[in-house]
N, C-alpha and C. Protein backbone atom coordinates (compact mmCIF):
# COMPACT_ATOMS: atom_id res chain seq x y z
N UNK A 1 0.82 -0.88 -0.51
CA UNK A 1 0.41 0.51 0.19
C UNK A 1 0.69 1.19 -0.12
N UNK A 2 0.34 1.92 -0.90
CA UNK A 2 1.09 3.64 -0.79
C UNK A 2 0.39 4.66 -0.05
N UNK A 3 0.98 4.95 0.99
CA UNK A 3 0.49 5.90 2.29
C UNK A 3 0.79 7.49 1.58
N UNK A 4 -0.04 8.11 1.86
CA UNK A 4 -0.21 9.72 1.53
C UNK A 4 -0.11 10.84 2.50
N UNK A 5 -1.18 9.87 3.71
CA UNK A 5 -0.98 11.04 4.84
C UNK A 5 -0.11 10.40 5.42
N UNK A 6 -0.50 10.72 7.45
CA UNK A 6 0.93 10.20 8.32
C UNK A 6 0.00 11.25 9.48
N UNK A 7 0.00 10.97 10.31
CA UNK A 7 -1.40 11.43 11.01
C UNK A 7 -0.36 10.81 12.87
N UNK A 8 -0.55 11.97 13.51
CA UNK A 8 0.10 12.10 14.69
C UNK A 8 -0.21 12.25 16.40
N UNK A 9 -0.51 11.55 17.29
CA UNK A 9 -0.74 11.80 18.52
C UNK A 9 -0.16 13.36 18.70
N UNK A 10 -0.35 13.94 20.17
CA UNK A 10 1.21 14.64 20.71
C UNK A 10 2.02 14.78 21.56
N UNK A 11 0.90 14.66 22.79
CA UNK A 11 1.65 14.57 23.31
C UNK A 11 2.06 12.91 23.94
N UNK A 12 3.18 12.66 24.25
CA UNK A 12 4.30 11.26 24.18
C UNK A 12 4.07 10.70 23.40
N UNK A 13 4.25 11.50 21.78
CA UNK A 13 4.37 10.80 20.65
C UNK A 13 5.57 11.99 19.87
N UNK A 14 4.91 13.15 19.85
CA UNK A 14 5.72 14.43 19.70
C UNK A 14 6.49 15.21 20.59
N UNK A 15 5.83 15.32 21.66
CA UNK A 15 6.79 16.19 22.57
C UNK A 15 6.38 15.46 23.64
N UNK A 16 7.19 15.50 25.13
CA UNK A 16 7.70 15.03 25.97
C UNK A 16 7.30 16.22 27.11
N UNK A 17 6.10 15.34 28.30
CA UNK A 17 6.39 16.10 29.23
C UNK A 17 6.72 15.18 31.00
N UNK A 18 8.05 15.69 31.40
CA UNK A 18 8.35 15.22 32.08
C UNK A 18 7.24 14.22 33.04
N UNK A 19 7.34 13.39 33.92
CA UNK A 19 6.71 12.94 34.76
C UNK A 19 6.15 13.66 35.48
N UNK A 20 7.24 14.05 36.75
CA UNK A 20 6.88 15.20 37.82
C UNK A 20 6.07 16.10 37.73
N UNK A 21 5.18 16.43 36.19
CA UNK A 21 4.40 17.42 36.02
C UNK A 21 2.94 16.17 36.45
N UNK A 22 2.65 15.51 35.67
CA UNK A 22 1.76 14.74 36.03
C UNK A 22 1.48 14.05 37.35
N UNK A 23 2.44 13.82 37.90
CA UNK A 23 2.54 12.72 40.03
C UNK A 23 2.02 14.58 40.35
N UNK A 24 2.60 15.84 40.16
CA UNK A 24 2.61 16.82 40.81
C UNK A 24 1.00 17.22 40.27
N UNK A 25 0.52 16.86 39.27
CA UNK A 25 -1.16 17.84 39.12
C UNK A 25 -2.37 16.89 39.47
N UNK A 26 -1.48 15.46 39.15
CA UNK A 26 -3.07 14.99 39.69
C UNK A 26 -3.09 14.46 41.07
N UNK A 27 -1.69 14.65 42.41
CA UNK A 27 -1.65 14.76 43.60
C UNK A 27 -2.58 16.19 43.79
N UNK A 28 -2.33 17.28 43.07
CA UNK A 28 -2.94 18.75 43.72
C UNK A 28 -4.39 18.20 43.19
N UNK A 29 -5.26 17.57 42.21
CA UNK A 29 -6.22 17.12 42.67
C UNK A 29 -7.00 16.69 43.93
N UNK A 30 -6.21 15.10 43.85
CA UNK A 30 -6.83 14.63 44.90
C UNK A 30 -6.41 14.49 46.65
N UNK A 31 -4.96 16.15 46.70
CA UNK A 31 -5.39 16.48 47.66
C UNK A 31 -6.36 17.13 48.16
N UNK A 32 -6.78 17.49 47.42
CA UNK A 32 -8.79 18.31 48.27
C UNK A 32 -9.37 17.41 48.21
N UNK A 33 -9.74 16.53 48.09
CA UNK A 33 -10.71 14.94 48.65
C UNK A 33 -9.61 14.22 49.45
N UNK A 34 -8.47 14.42 50.39
CA UNK A 34 -7.76 13.93 50.75
C UNK A 34 -7.59 12.36 50.49
N UNK A 35 -7.35 12.47 49.35
CA UNK A 35 -6.30 11.06 48.64
C UNK A 35 -5.71 11.00 47.75
N UNK A 36 -5.19 9.62 47.83
CA UNK A 36 -3.77 9.68 47.91
C UNK A 36 -3.62 8.54 46.63
N UNK A 37 -2.67 8.73 45.67
CA UNK A 37 -2.40 8.07 45.01
C UNK A 37 -0.73 7.31 44.49
N UNK A 38 -0.42 6.05 44.28
CA UNK A 38 1.51 5.75 43.98
C UNK A 38 1.08 6.27 41.96
N UNK A 39 2.59 6.30 41.96
CA UNK A 39 2.78 6.66 40.95
C UNK A 39 2.84 5.69 39.91
N UNK A 40 2.26 4.39 40.13
CA UNK A 40 1.32 3.56 38.96
C UNK A 40 0.93 3.55 38.74
N UNK A 41 -0.55 4.15 39.72
CA UNK A 41 -2.03 4.63 39.36
C UNK A 41 -2.07 5.95 38.63
N UNK A 42 -1.15 6.98 38.99
CA UNK A 42 -1.11 8.01 38.37
C UNK A 42 -0.34 7.85 36.77
N UNK A 43 0.35 6.75 36.09
CA UNK A 43 1.09 6.74 35.21
C UNK A 43 -0.50 6.43 34.15
N UNK A 44 -1.72 5.35 34.78
CA UNK A 44 -2.67 4.77 34.22
C UNK A 44 -3.42 5.48 34.26
N UNK A 45 -3.71 6.30 34.69
CA UNK A 45 -4.76 7.43 34.73
C UNK A 45 -3.89 8.49 33.43
N UNK A 46 -2.61 8.73 33.35
CA UNK A 46 -2.96 9.68 32.06
C UNK A 46 -2.73 8.96 31.27
N UNK A 47 -2.10 8.03 30.99
CA UNK A 47 -1.69 6.91 29.35
C UNK A 47 -2.81 6.17 28.89
N UNK A 48 -3.54 5.98 29.66
CA UNK A 48 -4.99 4.51 29.69
C UNK A 48 -6.05 5.20 29.40
N UNK A 49 -6.37 4.28 28.44
CA UNK A 49 -8.02 5.91 27.53
C UNK A 49 -9.37 5.03 28.74
N UNK A 50 -9.18 4.14 29.88
CA UNK A 50 -10.28 4.42 30.36
C UNK A 50 -10.41 5.18 31.58
N UNK A 51 -10.28 6.46 31.63
CA UNK A 51 -9.64 7.03 32.69
C UNK A 51 -10.72 7.20 33.95
N UNK A 52 -11.81 7.37 33.53
CA UNK A 52 -13.26 7.58 34.02
C UNK A 52 -13.20 6.02 35.27
N UNK A 53 -13.24 4.86 34.30
CA UNK A 53 -12.82 3.72 35.58
C UNK A 53 -12.35 3.91 36.53
N UNK A 54 -10.45 4.39 35.87
CA UNK A 54 -9.74 4.49 36.83
C UNK A 54 -9.91 6.02 38.20
N UNK A 55 -10.62 6.74 37.66
CA UNK A 55 -11.05 7.78 39.00
C UNK A 55 -11.84 6.93 39.44
N UNK A 56 -13.33 6.30 39.70
CA UNK A 56 -14.19 5.61 40.02
C UNK A 56 -13.23 4.42 41.03
N UNK A 57 -12.00 3.21 40.06
CA UNK A 57 -11.84 2.71 41.39
C UNK A 57 -10.43 2.82 41.66
N UNK A 58 -10.20 3.83 41.28
CA UNK A 58 -8.77 4.07 41.90
C UNK A 58 -8.25 4.63 42.89
N UNK A 59 -9.46 5.80 42.47
CA UNK A 59 -9.40 7.35 43.43
C UNK A 59 -10.65 6.80 44.15
N UNK A 60 -11.45 6.91 43.62
CA UNK A 60 -12.45 6.46 44.96
C UNK A 60 -13.65 7.87 44.93
N UNK A 61 -13.29 8.41 43.59
CA UNK A 61 -14.31 9.54 43.21
C UNK A 61 -15.26 9.72 42.45
N UNK A 62 -16.15 10.29 42.47
CA UNK A 62 -16.99 10.54 40.85
C UNK A 62 -15.67 11.99 40.39
N UNK A 63 -16.35 10.58 38.71
CA UNK A 63 -15.34 11.46 37.50
C UNK A 63 -15.98 12.70 37.24
N UNK A 64 -16.44 13.32 37.24
CA UNK A 64 -17.25 14.28 37.08
C UNK A 64 -16.49 15.61 38.27
N UNK A 65 -16.88 15.02 39.65
CA UNK A 65 -16.18 16.49 40.28
C UNK A 65 -14.49 15.99 40.30
N UNK A 66 -14.06 15.34 40.31
CA UNK A 66 -12.68 14.56 40.21
C UNK A 66 -12.07 15.83 39.08
N UNK A 67 -13.06 15.78 37.23
CA UNK A 67 -12.49 16.75 36.30
C UNK A 67 -12.39 18.02 36.87
N UNK A 68 -13.54 18.12 37.21
CA UNK A 68 -13.66 20.09 37.95
C UNK A 68 -12.29 20.41 38.60
N UNK A 69 -11.82 19.84 39.67
CA UNK A 69 -10.82 19.65 40.28
C UNK A 69 -9.39 20.21 39.68
N UNK A 70 -9.46 18.50 39.07
CA UNK A 70 -8.55 18.20 38.18
C UNK A 70 -8.31 19.57 37.38
N UNK A 71 -8.46 20.15 36.18
CA UNK A 71 -9.03 21.09 35.00
C UNK A 71 -8.52 22.75 36.06
N UNK A 72 -8.60 23.14 36.69
CA UNK A 72 -8.67 23.82 37.45
C UNK A 72 -7.28 23.90 37.99
N UNK A 73 -6.31 22.96 38.44
CA UNK A 73 -5.19 22.56 38.61
C UNK A 73 -4.34 22.17 37.46
N UNK A 74 -4.92 22.48 36.29
CA UNK A 74 -4.07 22.29 35.00
C UNK A 74 -4.35 23.72 34.06
N UNK A 75 -4.94 24.67 34.39
CA UNK A 75 -5.16 26.22 34.17
C UNK A 75 -4.02 26.16 34.73
N UNK A 76 -4.31 26.11 35.94
CA UNK A 76 -3.56 27.22 37.81
C UNK A 76 -1.89 27.17 37.33
N UNK A 77 -1.18 25.25 36.35
CA UNK A 77 -0.31 24.98 36.47
C UNK A 77 0.51 24.91 34.97
N UNK A 78 -0.04 25.91 34.39
CA UNK A 78 0.34 25.80 32.80
C UNK A 78 1.69 26.63 32.96
N UNK A 79 1.75 27.01 33.52
CA UNK A 79 3.84 27.70 33.51
C UNK A 79 4.43 26.56 34.37
N UNK A 80 4.39 25.56 34.80
CA UNK A 80 5.28 24.30 35.05
C UNK A 80 4.90 23.46 34.34
N UNK A 81 3.36 22.84 33.37
CA UNK A 81 4.03 22.11 32.18
C UNK A 81 4.45 23.03 31.16
N UNK A 82 4.56 24.17 30.50
CA UNK A 82 5.76 24.67 29.65
C UNK A 82 7.08 24.44 29.93
N UNK A 83 7.00 24.24 31.09
CA UNK A 83 9.00 24.21 31.76
C UNK A 83 9.29 22.65 31.32
N UNK A 84 8.15 22.07 31.47
CA UNK A 84 8.75 20.50 31.36
C UNK A 84 7.62 19.73 30.22
N UNK A 85 7.77 20.70 29.09
CA UNK A 85 7.42 19.63 28.16
C UNK A 85 8.51 19.86 26.53
N UNK A 86 9.10 19.94 25.57
CA UNK A 86 9.64 19.48 25.33
C UNK A 86 9.47 18.45 23.85
N UNK A 87 9.77 19.02 22.79
CA UNK A 87 9.89 17.63 21.67
C UNK A 87 10.61 17.25 21.60
N UNK A 88 10.86 15.67 21.52
CA UNK A 88 11.02 14.26 20.89
C UNK A 88 12.59 14.99 20.57
N UNK A 89 13.63 14.04 19.99
CA UNK A 89 14.90 14.69 19.08
C UNK A 89 13.92 14.42 17.78
N UNK A 90 13.38 13.05 17.73
CA UNK A 90 12.88 12.83 16.48
C UNK A 90 12.39 13.31 15.07
N UNK A 91 11.52 13.92 16.21
CA UNK A 91 10.25 14.75 15.34
C UNK A 91 10.99 15.57 13.98
N UNK A 92 12.66 15.69 14.40
CA UNK A 92 13.30 16.05 13.07
C UNK A 92 13.06 15.32 11.72
N UNK A 93 12.27 13.83 11.92
CA UNK A 93 11.99 13.36 10.86
C UNK A 93 11.05 13.64 9.85
N UNK A 94 10.17 14.47 10.76
CA UNK A 94 9.10 15.32 10.29
C UNK A 94 9.44 15.83 8.96
N UNK A 95 10.49 16.57 9.17
CA UNK A 95 11.01 17.24 7.75
C UNK A 95 11.49 16.87 7.05
N UNK A 96 11.78 15.34 6.77
CA UNK A 96 12.02 14.29 5.57
C UNK A 96 11.04 14.39 5.68
N UNK A 97 9.58 13.22 6.07
CA UNK A 97 8.45 13.30 5.58
C UNK A 97 8.15 14.27 4.84
N UNK A 98 7.66 15.57 5.28
CA UNK A 98 7.68 16.69 4.70
C UNK A 98 7.96 16.69 2.93
N UNK A 99 9.38 17.15 3.67
CA UNK A 99 10.03 16.90 2.24
C UNK A 99 9.37 16.08 0.49
N UNK A 100 9.71 14.65 1.61
CA UNK A 100 9.25 13.79 0.07
C UNK A 100 7.16 13.49 -0.34
N UNK A 101 6.47 14.49 0.76
CA UNK A 101 5.39 14.67 -0.06
C UNK A 101 4.18 13.74 1.06
N UNK A 102 4.57 13.50 1.55
CA UNK A 102 3.65 12.93 3.22
C UNK A 102 2.29 14.58 3.55
N UNK A 103 1.53 14.05 3.51
CA UNK A 103 0.81 15.10 4.36
C UNK A 103 0.65 14.88 5.88
N UNK A 104 1.01 15.51 6.33
CA UNK A 104 1.05 15.32 7.61
C UNK A 104 -0.59 16.38 8.67
N UNK A 105 -1.16 15.41 10.24
CA UNK A 105 -2.24 16.03 10.75
C UNK A 105 -1.50 15.77 11.92
N UNK A 106 -2.55 16.29 12.66
CA UNK A 106 -2.26 15.96 14.09
C UNK A 106 -3.67 15.75 14.55
N UNK A 107 -3.88 14.69 15.61
CA UNK A 107 -5.24 14.59 16.65
C UNK A 107 -5.07 13.66 17.52
N UNK A 108 -5.09 15.43 18.77
CA UNK A 108 -5.08 15.72 20.42
C UNK A 108 -6.11 15.75 21.38
N UNK A 109 -5.88 14.49 22.10
CA UNK A 109 -7.25 15.18 22.83
C UNK A 109 -7.34 16.00 23.78
N UNK A 110 -5.99 16.87 24.04
CA UNK A 110 -5.35 18.08 25.08
C UNK A 110 -5.88 19.14 24.96
N UNK A 111 -6.79 19.90 25.80
CA UNK A 111 -6.44 20.61 25.88
C UNK A 111 -6.79 21.97 24.50
N UNK A 112 -7.17 22.87 24.59
CA UNK A 112 -6.18 23.67 22.94
C UNK A 112 -5.28 24.01 23.47
N UNK A 113 -5.30 25.45 24.71
CA UNK A 113 -4.10 25.79 25.18
C UNK A 113 -2.77 24.43 24.89
N UNK A 114 -3.19 23.59 25.78
CA UNK A 114 -1.88 23.06 26.07
C UNK A 114 -1.53 22.65 24.24
N UNK A 115 -2.51 21.97 23.31
CA UNK A 115 -2.29 22.09 22.53
C UNK A 115 -1.60 23.25 21.47
N UNK A 116 -1.98 24.53 22.29
CA UNK A 116 -1.72 25.05 20.94
C UNK A 116 0.09 25.40 21.50
N UNK A 117 -0.02 25.67 22.98
CA UNK A 117 1.76 25.54 23.18
C UNK A 117 2.94 24.42 22.34
N UNK A 118 1.94 22.50 22.61
CA UNK A 118 2.89 21.99 22.34
C UNK A 118 3.01 21.69 20.74
N UNK A 119 2.20 22.49 19.46
CA UNK A 119 2.22 22.79 18.48
C UNK A 119 3.30 23.49 18.26
N UNK A 120 3.33 24.83 19.08
CA UNK A 120 3.87 25.62 18.94
C UNK A 120 5.42 24.76 18.90
N UNK A 121 5.70 23.92 19.37
CA UNK A 121 7.16 24.27 19.55
C UNK A 121 8.03 23.00 18.24
N UNK A 122 6.39 22.69 17.57
CA UNK A 122 6.74 21.57 16.06
C UNK A 122 6.77 22.67 15.55
N UNK A 123 6.11 23.85 15.34
CA UNK A 123 6.01 24.46 14.06
C UNK A 123 4.64 24.19 13.53
N UNK A 124 3.49 25.34 13.29
CA UNK A 124 2.30 24.26 13.16
C UNK A 124 2.04 24.37 11.40
N UNK A 125 2.79 24.81 10.86
CA UNK A 125 3.38 25.18 9.37
C UNK A 125 2.78 23.91 8.71
N UNK A 126 3.78 22.76 9.34
CA UNK A 126 4.03 21.75 8.19
C UNK A 126 3.12 20.67 8.55
N UNK A 127 1.93 20.86 9.32
CA UNK A 127 0.91 20.07 9.77
C UNK A 127 -0.51 20.57 8.32
N UNK A 128 -1.20 19.83 7.77
CA UNK A 128 -2.05 20.31 6.66
C UNK A 128 -3.17 20.51 7.46
N UNK A 129 -3.65 19.54 8.60
CA UNK A 129 -5.13 20.09 9.16
C UNK A 129 -4.52 19.15 10.54
N UNK A 130 -4.67 20.42 11.65
CA UNK A 130 -4.91 19.36 13.26
C UNK A 130 -6.60 19.56 13.92
N UNK A 131 -6.80 18.43 14.58
CA UNK A 131 -8.50 17.90 15.60
C UNK A 131 -7.96 18.24 16.45
N UNK A 132 -8.39 18.83 16.99
CA UNK A 132 -8.88 19.05 18.98
C UNK A 132 -9.67 18.05 19.19
N UNK A 133 -9.16 16.34 19.38
CA UNK A 133 -10.75 15.70 19.42
C UNK A 133 -10.88 15.92 21.24
N UNK A 134 -12.28 17.39 21.22
CA UNK A 134 -12.51 17.41 22.33
C UNK A 134 -14.55 17.85 21.87
N UNK A 135 -15.38 17.43 23.22
CA UNK A 135 -16.00 17.92 22.82
C UNK A 135 -16.53 19.07 23.09
N UNK A 136 -16.10 20.15 23.29
CA UNK A 136 -15.91 21.33 23.22
C UNK A 136 -15.95 22.07 21.98
N UNK A 137 -15.04 21.10 20.60
CA UNK A 137 -15.52 21.41 19.61
C UNK A 137 -15.88 20.77 18.51
N UNK A 138 -16.91 20.13 19.19
CA UNK A 138 -17.81 19.02 18.51
C UNK A 138 -16.93 18.28 18.19
N UNK A 139 -15.70 17.42 18.63
CA UNK A 139 -15.82 15.86 18.26
C UNK A 139 -15.33 15.41 19.29
N UNK A 140 -15.35 14.14 18.95
CA UNK A 140 -15.97 12.99 19.88
C UNK A 140 -14.07 12.96 20.42
N UNK A 141 -14.18 12.67 21.44
CA UNK A 141 -12.55 12.16 21.83
C UNK A 141 -12.19 10.83 21.49
N UNK A 142 -10.48 10.39 21.86
CA UNK A 142 -10.22 9.13 21.03
C UNK A 142 -11.24 8.25 22.43
N UNK A 143 -11.04 7.13 22.23
CA UNK A 143 -10.91 6.34 21.26
C UNK A 143 -11.53 6.58 20.09
N UNK A 144 -12.69 6.60 20.29
CA UNK A 144 -13.43 7.11 19.27
C UNK A 144 -13.45 7.81 17.88
N UNK A 145 -12.91 7.51 16.68
CA UNK A 145 -12.10 7.16 15.58
C UNK A 145 -12.79 8.99 14.85
N UNK A 146 -13.67 9.42 15.32
CA UNK A 146 -14.30 10.69 14.80
C UNK A 146 -13.21 11.81 14.45
N UNK A 147 -12.15 12.15 15.66
CA UNK A 147 -11.24 13.16 15.05
C UNK A 147 -10.32 12.49 14.12
N UNK A 148 -10.41 11.36 13.54
CA UNK A 148 -9.58 10.90 12.56
C UNK A 148 -9.94 11.16 11.47
N UNK A 149 -11.05 10.87 11.32
CA UNK A 149 -11.87 10.49 10.54
C UNK A 149 -12.11 12.19 9.89
N UNK A 150 -12.27 12.98 10.17
CA UNK A 150 -12.21 14.65 10.19
C UNK A 150 -10.79 14.46 9.94
N UNK A 151 -9.71 14.16 10.25
CA UNK A 151 -8.88 14.41 9.23
C UNK A 151 -8.40 14.61 8.14
N UNK A 152 -8.52 12.99 7.45
CA UNK A 152 -8.20 12.95 6.93
C UNK A 152 -9.45 13.14 5.67
N UNK A 153 -10.62 13.60 5.94
CA UNK A 153 -11.29 14.46 4.95
C UNK A 153 -10.80 15.68 5.13
N UNK A 154 -10.49 16.31 5.58
CA UNK A 154 -9.36 17.62 5.46
C UNK A 154 -8.12 17.58 5.06
N UNK A 155 -7.90 16.76 4.55
CA UNK A 155 -6.63 15.78 4.26
C UNK A 155 -6.94 15.33 2.79
N UNK A 156 -7.87 15.21 2.24
CA UNK A 156 -8.16 14.84 1.39
C UNK A 156 -7.92 13.87 0.88
N UNK A 157 -7.88 12.55 1.57
CA UNK A 157 -7.18 11.09 1.78
C UNK A 157 -8.41 9.81 2.38
N UNK A 158 -7.72 9.02 2.23
CA UNK A 158 -8.33 7.25 2.48
C UNK A 158 -7.29 6.86 3.94
N UNK A 159 -8.32 5.92 4.50
CA UNK A 159 -8.19 5.26 6.02
C UNK A 159 -7.11 3.99 4.92
N UNK A 160 -7.46 3.52 3.96
CA UNK A 160 -6.07 2.78 3.59
C UNK A 160 -4.93 3.61 3.44
N UNK A 161 -5.18 4.73 3.09
CA UNK A 161 -3.78 5.99 2.60
C UNK A 161 -3.42 6.51 3.62
N UNK A 162 -3.81 5.75 4.69
CA UNK A 162 -3.57 6.96 5.80
C UNK A 162 -2.60 6.01 6.94
N UNK A 163 -1.95 6.37 7.86
CA UNK A 163 -1.08 5.87 8.92
C UNK A 163 -1.40 6.70 10.11
N UNK A 164 -1.85 6.21 11.34
CA UNK A 164 -1.47 7.18 12.93
C UNK A 164 -0.91 6.66 13.78
N UNK A 165 0.14 6.89 13.71
CA UNK A 165 1.33 7.24 15.12
C UNK A 165 0.86 7.73 16.58
N UNK A 166 0.90 7.05 17.76
CA UNK A 166 0.52 7.40 19.03
C UNK A 166 1.14 6.13 19.86
N UNK A 167 1.18 7.19 21.18
CA UNK A 167 1.93 6.52 22.00
C UNK A 167 1.01 5.64 22.93
N UNK A 168 -0.27 5.61 22.90
CA UNK A 168 -1.48 4.71 24.15
C UNK A 168 -2.37 4.03 23.20
N UNK A 169 -3.50 3.22 24.57
CA UNK A 169 -3.93 2.46 23.85
C UNK A 169 -5.26 3.05 22.93
N UNK A 170 -6.18 4.15 23.47
CA UNK A 170 -6.71 5.32 23.07
C UNK A 170 -6.47 5.66 21.16
N UNK A 171 -5.50 5.57 21.49
CA UNK A 171 -4.69 5.86 19.67
C UNK A 171 -4.79 4.68 19.01
N UNK A 172 -4.48 3.55 19.64
CA UNK A 172 -4.51 2.34 18.83
C UNK A 172 -5.77 1.74 18.35
N UNK A 173 -6.82 1.81 19.80
CA UNK A 173 -8.08 1.52 19.16
C UNK A 173 -8.61 2.41 17.99
N UNK A 174 -8.64 3.45 18.69
CA UNK A 174 -8.96 4.74 17.48
C UNK A 174 -8.91 5.07 16.30
N UNK A 175 -7.56 3.97 15.62
CA UNK A 175 -7.05 3.68 14.62
C UNK A 175 -7.38 2.98 14.11
N UNK A 176 -7.76 1.29 14.73
CA UNK A 176 -8.13 0.02 14.01
C UNK A 176 -10.09 0.43 13.68
N UNK A 177 -10.44 1.35 13.93
CA UNK A 177 -11.68 1.48 14.49
C UNK A 177 -11.92 2.15 13.07
N UNK A 178 -10.65 3.23 13.14
CA UNK A 178 -11.04 3.91 11.62
C UNK A 178 -10.27 3.02 10.49
N UNK A 179 -10.05 2.31 10.51
CA UNK A 179 -9.28 1.44 9.66
C UNK A 179 -8.40 1.73 9.03
N UNK A 180 -7.74 2.68 9.92
CA UNK A 180 -5.80 3.13 9.92
C UNK A 180 -5.16 2.84 10.19
N UNK A 181 -4.11 2.44 9.34
CA UNK A 181 -2.75 1.30 9.88
C UNK A 181 -2.59 2.43 10.97
N UNK A 182 -2.52 1.10 12.24
CA UNK A 182 -2.27 1.86 13.31
C UNK A 182 -0.53 1.63 13.80
N UNK A 183 0.17 2.57 14.23
CA UNK A 183 1.57 2.15 14.58
C UNK A 183 1.35 3.35 16.22
N UNK A 184 2.53 1.98 17.20
CA UNK A 184 2.65 2.33 18.44
C UNK A 184 3.50 2.47 18.45
N UNK A 185 3.83 4.20 18.94
CA UNK A 185 5.69 4.63 19.49
C UNK A 185 5.36 4.37 20.83
N UNK A 186 6.47 3.20 20.67
CA UNK A 186 6.70 3.14 23.11
C UNK A 186 7.70 3.83 23.21
N UNK A 187 7.57 4.55 23.99
CA UNK A 187 8.54 5.68 24.68
C UNK A 187 8.91 5.34 25.63
N UNK A 188 8.41 4.27 26.05
CA UNK A 188 9.17 3.18 27.17
C UNK A 188 8.87 4.39 28.46
N UNK A 189 7.05 4.37 28.28
CA UNK A 189 6.99 5.20 29.62
C UNK A 189 5.82 5.06 30.24
N UNK A 190 4.63 3.92 29.70
CA UNK A 190 4.37 3.29 30.02
C UNK A 190 4.01 1.64 29.18
N UNK A 191 3.03 0.02 30.29
CA UNK A 191 3.39 -0.50 29.61
C UNK A 191 2.10 -0.56 29.65
N UNK A 192 1.18 -1.16 27.65
CA UNK A 192 -0.11 -2.03 27.93
C UNK A 192 -0.17 -2.88 27.82
N UNK A 193 -0.75 -4.02 28.29
CA UNK A 193 -1.23 -4.76 28.79
C UNK A 193 -2.21 -5.51 27.35
N UNK A 194 -1.74 -6.19 26.97
CA UNK A 194 -3.11 -7.11 26.09
C UNK A 194 -2.96 -6.29 24.68
N UNK A 195 -2.35 -4.81 24.27
CA UNK A 195 -2.32 -4.42 23.12
C UNK A 195 -1.56 -4.75 22.41
N UNK A 196 -2.86 -5.02 20.70
CA UNK A 196 -2.35 -5.42 19.98
C UNK A 196 -1.63 -4.34 18.72
N UNK A 197 -1.08 -3.34 18.53
CA UNK A 197 -0.67 -2.58 17.68
C UNK A 197 -0.09 -3.41 15.89
N UNK A 198 -0.33 -2.33 15.20
CA UNK A 198 -0.14 -3.27 13.67
C UNK A 198 1.13 -3.32 13.72
N UNK A 199 1.89 -2.19 14.25
CA UNK A 199 3.70 -2.04 14.22
C UNK A 199 3.56 -0.84 15.58
N UNK A 200 4.97 -2.03 16.12
CA UNK A 200 5.21 -1.04 17.48
C UNK A 200 6.77 -0.66 16.86
N UNK A 201 7.41 0.39 17.12
CA UNK A 201 8.44 1.67 17.03
C UNK A 201 8.78 2.24 17.69
N UNK A 202 10.13 2.45 18.17
CA UNK A 202 10.86 3.12 19.65
C UNK A 202 11.19 4.78 19.36
N UNK A 203 11.91 4.88 17.93
CA UNK A 203 11.52 6.25 17.56
C UNK A 203 11.02 6.62 15.82
N UNK A 204 10.64 8.12 15.96
CA UNK A 204 9.99 8.10 14.53
C UNK A 204 10.82 7.70 12.91
N UNK A 205 12.44 7.92 13.36
CA UNK A 205 12.72 7.33 12.39
C UNK A 205 12.77 5.90 11.83
N UNK A 206 11.98 5.34 12.81
CA UNK A 206 11.54 3.76 11.94
C UNK A 206 10.61 3.91 11.72
N UNK A 207 9.90 5.20 11.21
CA UNK A 207 8.77 5.09 10.05
C UNK A 207 9.33 5.09 8.52
N UNK A 208 10.72 4.60 8.64
CA UNK A 208 11.23 5.22 7.44
C UNK A 208 11.31 3.09 6.56
N UNK A 209 10.98 2.21 7.10
CA UNK A 209 10.27 1.31 6.91
C UNK A 209 8.04 0.97 6.52
N UNK A 210 7.90 2.24 6.50
CA UNK A 210 7.28 2.48 5.68
C UNK A 210 7.10 2.94 4.57
N UNK A 211 7.54 4.41 4.86
CA UNK A 211 7.95 5.22 3.88
C UNK A 211 8.69 5.19 2.52
């Protein structure tokens, strides 16, 4: 198959946010409820798709109530996130992909102000379309494939012409649901048990085998 477009998740795929940020942020929210969580549980909350289940089962909280508090601290700690976030070195390979004619896109579930910060670190002009998969934007969040389908439509490509690269189970599930070739990039931050991506890579440079 000749691929024409490569879509990417954002945080954990193209940009790295230091672990201390997520541990600090989640604990600030939990402290308001006098709750505690170990790092491995916070990692599951951060990386895995079923976050509401983790909030209920591990945090012992109502998801709607927790999210309100979490988002308050997320906004208040924006400067810390900016300080602790940077592009991965291998994003230099995006220049090559663009040069040889691939259409590039981003589909992320990050809040728009965080997505804007991270995309600015990568040069937004290289991406043909960017989808913020959030209900506020009228886009169903991953693992629903809605955002991927919108991005493909805007780029003018079909599912069998498209690759999606992400670092989490929700990325792989969304890509498979959209019938896109799914690629898990393993940044060695979290282990997903039972996940079966079509291809696993540890660096964006490994996309050479597909292009």
